[in-house]
């Protein structure tokens, strides 16, 4: 028994020394790989000239993982069309467990933002607590991949991203000179999961999102307040682009928008097909908001475009009320369906596209003569 304990003790001692040596050796590799990966990702981002610089890096995390601390990070885009600089006195921290089942990047809690042609505009992005980006693997053969890296120093194909998640517990984007809040949120949670080689699942939950720019679009009567978003969307590239809205719920203090259904692009037709159900709470406020948004874009566009007139807005509200498949709360809330099969025209609620255009132009459908024939009557204007 004593010999057995001695043998075990010697084995553990040898293993500890070997493991420590391997960890130390691999920590240098991890440090180098992390630095090179960040430089590769940020270099010439989107075809734009960019640069990522930092003061120094430190590696820790022994014995169960690796933690790379990047001090005083600074990311710069200097292009003829855009100038942007993100910097922080806080550290960017990247961590992984020993089996590399996931990587976690903890962002600096305070980020200084400069933009404009000469970087004269200064802003500050302040998180309530540091935001995190987490990359997870598909958890297949983690141990085998780990030992291949340890024994053979194999760094090719050892990590396959299965899911990416961004999460914060609230932020404020402010002008530090006057403390004016440009945008803010109580929390943001975004996840992209690879379901298969060509199918992706996007989930988003955003709580109490505020945009000063949207507030400026409306007077106090039409102020939409904060926005909440909950989304669960499947995107597939298998046979043309297709989108499935398992859930898409957008809510504000003035209106709500809920979309469910699916839509797909056609390989032989210009228009997509699918089946969507759209519910709009306080739909008139929603239309007013969208019209204000579009007119603001027209006002700021260098291309000559026409503004949406008040009568057009009123006519569109009336049209939606007529083609709605459901109404509630004295007609304030409506639901409508959009359906189209390949090779067919779109239908809006119970009306064909031609009938819907007729209704929008002031007509109405008086009676049904057959399943495929209706008598159109145009109201005098």
Protein backbone atom coordinates (compact mmCIF):
# COMPACT_ATOMS: atom_id res chain seq x y z
CA UNK A 1 0.00 0.00 0.00
CA UNK A 2 2.83 2.34 0.89
CA UNK A 3 4.59 1.59 -2.41
CA UNK A 4 1.35 2.25 -4.29
CA UNK A 5 0.91 5.63 -2.61
CA UNK A 6 4.53 6.52 -3.34
CA UNK A 7 4.06 5.52 -6.99
CA UNK A 8 0.91 7.62 -7.28
CA UNK A 9 2.62 10.57 -5.61
CA UNK A 10 5.61 10.35 -7.96
CA UNK A 11 3.31 10.06 -10.98
CA UNK A 12 1.29 13.10 -9.90
CA UNK A 13 4.45 15.08 -9.28
CA UNK A 14 5.84 14.22 -12.71
CA UNK A 15 2.49 14.94 -14.36
CA UNK A 16 2.25 18.30 -12.56
CA UNK A 17 5.72 19.32 -13.69
CA UNK A 18 5.01 18.20 -17.28
CA UNK A 19 1.61 19.87 -17.31
CA UNK A 20 3.07 23.11 -15.96
CA UNK A 21 5.76 23.06 -18.62
CA UNK A 22 3.27 22.32 -21.37
CA UNK A 23 0.91 25.05 -20.10
CA UNK A 24 3.77 27.55 -20.04
CA UNK A 25 4.85 26.56 -23.54
CA UNK A 26 1.32 26.67 -24.90
CA UNK A 27 0.61 30.00 -23.16
CA UNK A 28 3.18 31.62 -25.41
CA UNK A 29 1.47 30.05 -28.43
CA UNK A 30 -1.95 31.19 -27.20
CA UNK A 31 -0.64 34.71 -26.71
CA UNK A 32 0.82 34.77 -30.22
CA UNK A 33 -2.30 33.24 -31.79
CA UNK A 34 -4.56 35.74 -30.00
CA UNK A 35 -2.52 38.72 -31.12
CA UNK A 36 -2.33 37.45 -34.71
CA UNK A 37 -6.05 36.60 -34.80
CA UNK A 38 -7.04 40.11 -33.67
CA UNK A 39 -4.69 41.69 -36.18
CA UNK A 40 -6.05 39.47 -38.96
CA UNK A 41 -9.68 40.26 -38.09
CA UNK A 42 -9.19 44.02 -37.79
CA UNK A 43 -6.76 44.54 -40.68
CA UNK A 44 -8.41 46.09 -43.75
CA UNK A 45 -11.85 45.52 -42.21
CA UNK A 46 -14.47 45.50 -44.96
CA UNK A 47 -11.88 46.70 -47.45
CA UNK A 48 -11.14 49.74 -45.30
CA UNK A 49 -7.71 50.64 -44.01
CA UNK A 50 -7.68 49.76 -40.31
CA UNK A 51 -5.24 49.14 -37.48
CA UNK A 52 -5.33 47.54 -34.02
CA UNK A 53 -2.64 48.60 -31.53
CA UNK A 54 -2.13 48.05 -27.79
CA UNK A 55 0.41 48.69 -25.05
CA UNK A 56 1.20 45.05 -24.13
CA UNK A 57 -0.31 41.66 -23.38
CA UNK A 58 -0.22 39.42 -20.31
CA UNK A 59 -1.10 35.71 -20.06
CA UNK A 60 -2.53 34.01 -16.96
CA UNK A 61 -5.22 31.45 -16.11
CA UNK A 62 -3.14 28.48 -14.92
CA UNK A 63 -4.06 25.66 -14.51
CA UNK A 64 -7.54 25.32 -16.04
CA UNK A 65 -7.38 27.72 -18.97
CA UNK A 66 -5.78 30.70 -20.62
CA UNK A 67 -6.46 34.39 -20.05
CA UNK A 68 -4.90 36.96 -22.38
CA UNK A 69 -5.10 40.54 -21.11
CA UNK A 70 -4.64 43.17 -23.82
CA UNK A 71 -3.84 46.51 -22.21
CA UNK A 72 -4.88 49.89 -23.61
CA UNK A 73 -6.40 48.57 -26.86
CA UNK A 74 -6.92 50.99 -29.72
CA UNK A 75 -8.76 50.27 -32.97
CA UNK A 76 -8.52 52.75 -35.85
CA UNK A 77 -10.25 52.98 -39.23
CA UNK A 78 -8.76 55.68 -41.44
CA UNK A 79 -10.41 55.64 -44.84
CA UNK A 80 -11.40 58.28 -47.36
CA UNK A 81 -15.07 57.72 -46.52
CA UNK A 82 -14.88 57.14 -42.77
CA UNK A 83 -12.62 57.93 -39.83
CA UNK A 84 -13.22 56.10 -36.57
CA UNK A 85 -11.14 55.43 -33.47
CA UNK A 86 -12.08 53.23 -30.50
CA UNK A 87 -9.78 53.25 -27.49
CA UNK A 88 -9.82 52.47 -23.79
CA UNK A 89 -7.63 52.62 -20.72
CA UNK A 90 -9.37 49.43 -19.56
CA UNK A 91 -8.18 46.03 -20.76
CA UNK A 92 -9.63 43.73 -23.40
CA UNK A 93 -9.58 40.21 -21.93
CA UNK A 94 -9.79 36.99 -23.97
CA UNK A 95 -10.19 33.68 -22.13
CA UNK A 96 -10.54 30.00 -23.03
CA UNK A 97 -10.77 26.79 -21.05
CA UNK A 98 -8.05 24.19 -21.40
CA UNK A 99 -10.09 22.14 -23.90
CA UNK A 100 -10.99 25.21 -25.96
CA UNK A 101 -14.71 24.46 -25.79
CA UNK A 102 -15.34 28.21 -25.81
CA UNK A 103 -13.61 31.56 -26.05
CA UNK A 104 -14.84 34.61 -24.14
CA UNK A 105 -13.88 38.21 -24.89
CA UNK A 106 -14.63 40.70 -22.10
CA UNK A 107 -14.81 44.19 -23.57
CA UNK A 108 -13.50 47.31 -21.80
CA UNK A 109 -16.18 48.88 -19.61
CA UNK A 110 -15.43 52.39 -20.87
CA UNK A 111 -14.65 52.98 -24.55
CA UNK A 112 -13.74 56.34 -26.05
CA UNK A 113 -15.14 56.92 -29.55
CA UNK A 114 -13.85 59.47 -32.02
CA UNK A 115 -15.38 59.92 -35.46
CA UNK A 116 -15.68 62.47 -38.22
CA UNK A 117 -13.29 63.42 -40.98
CA UNK A 118 -10.69 64.77 -38.55
CA UNK A 119 -11.79 62.68 -35.53
CA UNK A 120 -12.98 65.89 -33.89
CA UNK A 121 -16.21 64.39 -32.51
CA UNK A 122 -15.66 62.68 -29.16
CA UNK A 123 -18.13 60.31 -27.54
CA UNK A 124 -18.05 57.72 -24.80
CA UNK A 125 -19.53 54.22 -24.68
CA UNK A 126 -20.09 53.25 -21.05
CA UNK A 127 -21.28 49.80 -20.02
CA UNK A 128 -22.98 49.22 -16.66
CA UNK A 129 -20.64 46.21 -16.42
CA UNK A 130 -18.21 44.82 -19.00
CA UNK A 131 -19.94 43.32 -22.05
CA UNK A 132 -18.92 39.86 -23.25
CA UNK A 133 -18.64 38.09 -26.59
CA UNK A 134 -18.59 34.29 -26.33
CA UNK A 135 -17.64 31.88 -29.11
CA UNK A 136 -18.56 28.23 -28.51
CA UNK A 137 -17.44 25.11 -30.36
CA UNK A 138 -19.58 22.19 -31.45
CA UNK A 139 -18.09 20.17 -28.53
CA UNK A 140 -17.03 17.29 -30.79
CA UNK A 141 -13.77 15.50 -30.04
CA UNK A 142 -12.53 18.25 -27.74
CA UNK A 143 -10.14 15.95 -25.89
CA UNK A 144 -8.69 14.54 -29.12
CA UNK A 145 -8.19 18.01 -30.56
CA UNK A 146 -6.60 19.16 -27.30
CA UNK A 147 -4.01 16.36 -27.27
CA UNK A 148 -3.25 16.90 -30.95
CA UNK A 149 -2.37 20.48 -30.06
CA UNK A 150 -0.32 19.43 -27.03
CA UNK A 151 1.58 16.54 -28.63
CA UNK A 152 1.81 17.54 -32.28
CA UNK A 153 1.35 21.32 -31.94
CA UNK A 154 -1.45 21.02 -34.50
CA UNK A 155 -3.29 24.36 -34.76
CA UNK A 156 -5.22 23.62 -37.95
CA UNK A 157 -8.91 22.85 -37.78
CA UNK A 158 -8.89 22.52 -34.00
CA UNK A 159 -11.70 24.96 -33.33
CA UNK A 160 -15.03 25.12 -35.12
CA UNK A 161 -17.39 27.89 -34.05
CA UNK A 162 -20.92 26.66 -33.42
CA UNK A 163 -22.39 29.68 -31.67
CA UNK A 164 -21.57 33.35 -31.07
CA UNK A 165 -23.18 35.40 -28.32
CA UNK A 166 -22.97 39.08 -27.37
CA UNK A 167 -24.37 40.12 -24.00
CA UNK A 168 -24.33 43.25 -21.87
CA UNK A 169 -26.24 44.48 -18.85
CA UNK A 170 -26.89 47.93 -20.23
CA UNK A 171 -24.95 50.79 -21.78
CA UNK A 172 -25.03 54.50 -22.51
CA UNK A 173 -23.52 56.17 -25.57
CA UNK A 174 -22.99 59.79 -24.52
CA UNK A 175 -21.42 63.10 -25.40
CA UNK A 176 -18.97 63.53 -22.49
CA UNK A 177 -18.91 67.32 -22.85
CA UNK A 178 -22.57 67.83 -21.91
CA UNK A 179 -23.45 64.27 -20.77
CA UNK A 180 -26.14 64.15 -23.49
CA UNK A 181 -27.32 60.53 -23.99
CA UNK A 182 -27.34 59.62 -27.69
CA UNK A 183 -28.50 56.03 -27.20
CA UNK A 184 -28.87 53.57 -24.34
CA UNK A 185 -30.36 50.21 -23.35
CA UNK A 186 -31.03 48.28 -20.16
CA UNK A 187 -29.71 45.04 -21.66
CA UNK A 188 -28.75 43.50 -25.00
CA UNK A 189 -28.47 39.76 -25.73
CA UNK A 190 -27.67 38.63 -29.30
CA UNK A 191 -26.97 35.04 -30.33
CA UNK A 192 -26.12 33.50 -33.70
CA UNK A 193 -26.11 29.69 -33.79
CA UNK A 194 -25.01 27.54 -36.72
CA UNK A 195 -27.78 24.94 -37.09
CA UNK A 196 -26.16 23.32 -40.14
CA UNK A 197 -23.68 24.23 -42.87
CA UNK A 198 -26.16 26.65 -44.45
CA UNK A 199 -28.74 27.34 -41.74
CA UNK A 200 -28.41 29.88 -38.94
CA UNK A 201 -30.55 30.79 -35.93
CA UNK A 202 -30.56 34.43 -34.77
CA UNK A 203 -31.98 35.29 -31.36
CA UNK A 204 -32.17 38.82 -30.01
CA UNK A 205 -33.49 40.37 -26.82
CA UNK A 206 -33.08 44.12 -26.36
CA UNK A 207 -34.64 45.87 -23.39
CA UNK A 208 -35.57 49.57 -23.27
CA UNK A 209 -33.50 50.72 -26.23
CA UNK A 210 -33.41 54.51 -26.59
CA UNK A 211 -32.29 56.50 -29.64
CA UNK A 212 -32.08 60.27 -29.46
CA UNK A 213 -32.25 60.41 -33.25
CA UNK A 214 -35.68 58.74 -33.26
CA UNK A 215 -36.92 61.06 -30.53
CA UNK A 216 -36.05 64.06 -32.69
CA UNK A 217 -38.27 62.75 -35.49
CA UNK A 218 -41.48 63.25 -33.54
CA UNK A 219 -43.10 65.83 -31.33
CA UNK A 220 -44.17 64.98 -27.79
CA UNK A 221 -47.49 63.63 -29.05
CA UNK A 222 -45.80 61.10 -31.33
CA UNK A 223 -42.75 60.29 -29.19
CA UNK A 224 -42.38 56.49 -29.39
CA UNK A 225 -40.32 56.27 -26.18
CA UNK A 226 -38.10 53.24 -25.61
CA UNK A 227 -38.03 50.15 -27.82
CA UNK A 228 -38.06 46.49 -26.78
CA UNK A 229 -37.22 43.68 -29.20
CA UNK A 230 -37.56 39.91 -28.93
CA UNK A 231 -36.65 37.91 -32.03
CA UNK A 232 -36.09 34.27 -32.97
CA UNK A 233 -35.31 33.94 -36.68
CA UNK A 234 -34.06 31.03 -38.81
CA UNK A 235 -32.09 31.93 -41.95
CA UNK A 236 -31.25 29.27 -44.54
CA UNK A 237 -29.25 29.29 -47.79
CA UNK A 238 -30.10 25.72 -48.84
CA UNK A 239 -32.38 26.44 -51.81
CA UNK A 240 -32.33 30.17 -52.20
CA UNK A 241 -32.45 32.51 -49.22
CA UNK A 242 -35.29 31.74 -46.81
CA UNK A 243 -36.25 33.39 -43.52
CA UNK A 244 -38.53 31.88 -40.89
CA UNK A 245 -39.90 34.26 -38.26
CA UNK A 246 -40.50 32.01 -35.27
CA UNK A 247 -40.88 35.21 -33.29
CA UNK A 248 -40.37 38.89 -34.03
CA UNK A 249 -41.92 41.26 -31.50
CA UNK A 250 -41.07 44.97 -31.51
CA UNK A 251 -42.72 47.12 -28.86
CA UNK A 252 -42.57 50.81 -28.01
CA UNK A 253 -44.58 53.17 -25.84
CA UNK A 254 -46.72 54.06 -28.88
CA UNK A 255 -47.08 50.91 -30.99
CA UNK A 256 -46.20 47.23 -31.35
CA UNK A 257 -45.24 45.03 -34.30
CA UNK A 258 -45.42 41.23 -34.33
CA UNK A 259 -44.38 39.09 -37.33
CA UNK A 260 -44.68 35.31 -37.72
CA UNK A 261 -44.33 33.10 -40.77
CA UNK A 262 -41.78 32.50 -43.50
CA UNK A 263 -40.54 33.95 -46.75
CA UNK A 264 -38.18 32.60 -49.40
CA UNK A 265 -36.50 33.94 -52.50
CA UNK A 266 -37.18 32.30 -55.82
CA UNK A 267 -34.50 31.07 -58.22
CA UNK A 268 -36.64 31.93 -61.24
CA UNK A 269 -38.73 34.87 -60.06
CA UNK A 270 -37.87 38.37 -58.90
CA UNK A 271 -40.31 38.46 -55.99
CA UNK A 272 -40.15 36.27 -52.87
CA UNK A 273 -42.92 33.89 -51.82
CA UNK A 274 -44.16 32.76 -48.42
CA UNK A 275 -46.82 33.26 -45.77
CA UNK A 276 -46.58 36.05 -43.20
CA UNK A 277 -48.95 37.21 -40.46
CA UNK A 278 -48.33 40.77 -39.32
CA UNK A 279 -49.99 42.23 -36.23
CA UNK A 280 -49.70 45.96 -35.55
CA UNK A 281 -50.84 47.49 -32.28
CA UNK A 282 -51.89 51.17 -32.60
CA UNK A 283 -51.24 50.87 -36.31
CA UNK A 284 -51.93 54.54 -37.07
CA UNK A 285 -49.12 55.60 -34.70
CA UNK A 286 -46.86 53.04 -36.38
CA UNK A 287 -47.63 54.46 -39.85
CA UNK A 288 -46.99 58.01 -38.60
CA UNK A 289 -43.63 56.93 -37.19
CA UNK A 290 -42.57 55.16 -40.42
CA UNK A 291 -43.67 58.15 -42.52
CA UNK A 292 -41.68 60.55 -40.31
CA UNK A 293 -38.67 58.25 -40.58
CA UNK A 294 -38.87 58.06 -44.38
CA UNK A 295 -39.43 61.79 -44.77
CA UNK A 296 -36.42 62.47 -42.57
CA UNK A 297 -34.31 60.22 -44.83
CA UNK A 298 -35.61 62.09 -47.88
CA UNK A 299 -34.72 65.45 -46.30
CA UNK A 300 -31.15 64.30 -45.64
CA UNK A 301 -30.66 62.53 -48.98
CA UNK A 302 -28.48 64.00 -51.70
CA UNK A 303 -30.73 62.28 -54.26
CA UNK A 304 -33.89 64.27 -55.14
CA UNK A 305 -36.82 62.29 -53.71
CA UNK A 306 -40.45 63.11 -52.94
CA UNK A 307 -41.72 63.40 -49.38
CA UNK A 308 -44.76 61.40 -48.30
CA UNK A 309 -47.73 63.74 -48.10
CA UNK A 310 -50.36 63.79 -45.35
CA UNK A 311 -53.11 62.57 -47.72
CA UNK A 312 -51.00 59.59 -48.78
CA UNK A 313 -50.47 58.66 -45.14
CA UNK A 314 -54.21 58.93 -44.44
CA UNK A 315 -55.07 56.86 -47.55
CA UNK A 316 -52.64 54.13 -46.52
CA UNK A 317 -54.13 53.95 -43.01
CA UNK A 318 -57.59 53.58 -44.53
CA UNK A 319 -56.31 50.89 -46.90
CA UNK A 320 -54.79 48.84 -44.07
CA UNK A 321 -58.01 49.07 -42.11
CA UNK A 322 -59.97 47.70 -45.10
CA UNK A 323 -57.67 44.74 -45.90
CA UNK A 324 -57.04 43.75 -42.26
CA UNK A 325 -58.08 40.21 -41.40
CA UNK A 326 -58.53 41.05 -37.70
CA UNK A 327 -59.29 44.19 -35.69
CA UNK A 328 -59.38 44.84 -31.96
CA UNK A 329 -59.61 47.67 -29.44
CA UNK A 330 -62.09 49.63 -31.62
CA UNK A 331 -59.93 49.18 -34.70
CA UNK A 332 -56.70 50.52 -33.17
CA UNK A 333 -54.98 47.14 -33.53
CA UNK A 334 -55.01 45.19 -36.79
CA UNK A 335 -53.67 41.95 -38.23
CA UNK A 336 -53.14 41.17 -41.89
CA UNK A 337 -51.70 38.29 -43.88
CA UNK A 338 -49.42 38.31 -46.91
CA UNK A 339 -49.34 35.11 -48.97
CA UNK A 340 -47.70 34.18 -52.22
CA UNK A 341 -46.97 30.84 -53.87
CA UNK A 342 -44.35 30.41 -56.57
CA UNK A 343 -45.76 31.49 -59.92
CA UNK A 344 -48.72 33.24 -58.30
CA UNK A 345 -49.57 36.83 -57.40
CA UNK A 346 -49.47 38.00 -53.80
CA UNK A 347 -52.67 38.10 -51.76
CA UNK A 348 -53.26 40.58 -48.94
CA UNK A 349 -55.72 39.13 -46.46
CA UNK A 350 -58.69 37.81 -48.41
CA UNK A 351 -57.94 40.02 -51.41
CA UNK A 352 -55.78 39.40 -54.47
CA UNK A 353 -53.12 41.92 -55.38
CA UNK A 354 -55.30 43.47 -58.11
CA UNK A 355 -58.22 43.76 -55.70
CA UNK A 356 -55.98 45.34 -53.06
CA UNK A 357 -54.74 47.95 -55.55
CA UNK A 358 -58.35 48.65 -56.50
CA UNK A 359 -59.25 49.19 -52.83
CA UNK A 360 -56.23 51.46 -52.28
CA UNK A 361 -57.35 53.61 -55.22
CA UNK A 362 -60.70 54.20 -53.55
CA UNK A 363 -62.77 51.29 -54.80
CA UNK A 364 -64.50 48.50 -52.96
CA UNK A 365 -65.52 44.93 -53.70
CA UNK A 366 -69.31 44.79 -53.85
CA UNK A 367 -70.06 41.08 -54.15
CA UNK A 368 -68.59 37.70 -54.97
CA UNK A 369 -69.93 36.04 -58.14
CA UNK A 370 -67.58 33.02 -58.18
CA UNK A 371 -64.53 31.89 -56.26
CA UNK A 372 -62.31 33.53 -58.85
CA UNK A 373 -64.49 36.49 -59.83
CA UNK A 374 -65.58 39.55 -57.90
CA UNK A 375 -67.42 42.65 -59.06
CA UNK A 376 -65.38 45.83 -58.60
CA UNK A 377 -67.05 49.13 -57.79
CA UNK A 378 -65.09 52.36 -57.75
CA UNK A 379 -66.17 55.04 -55.33
CA UNK A 380 -66.50 58.52 -56.75
CA UNK A 381 -63.86 60.90 -55.41
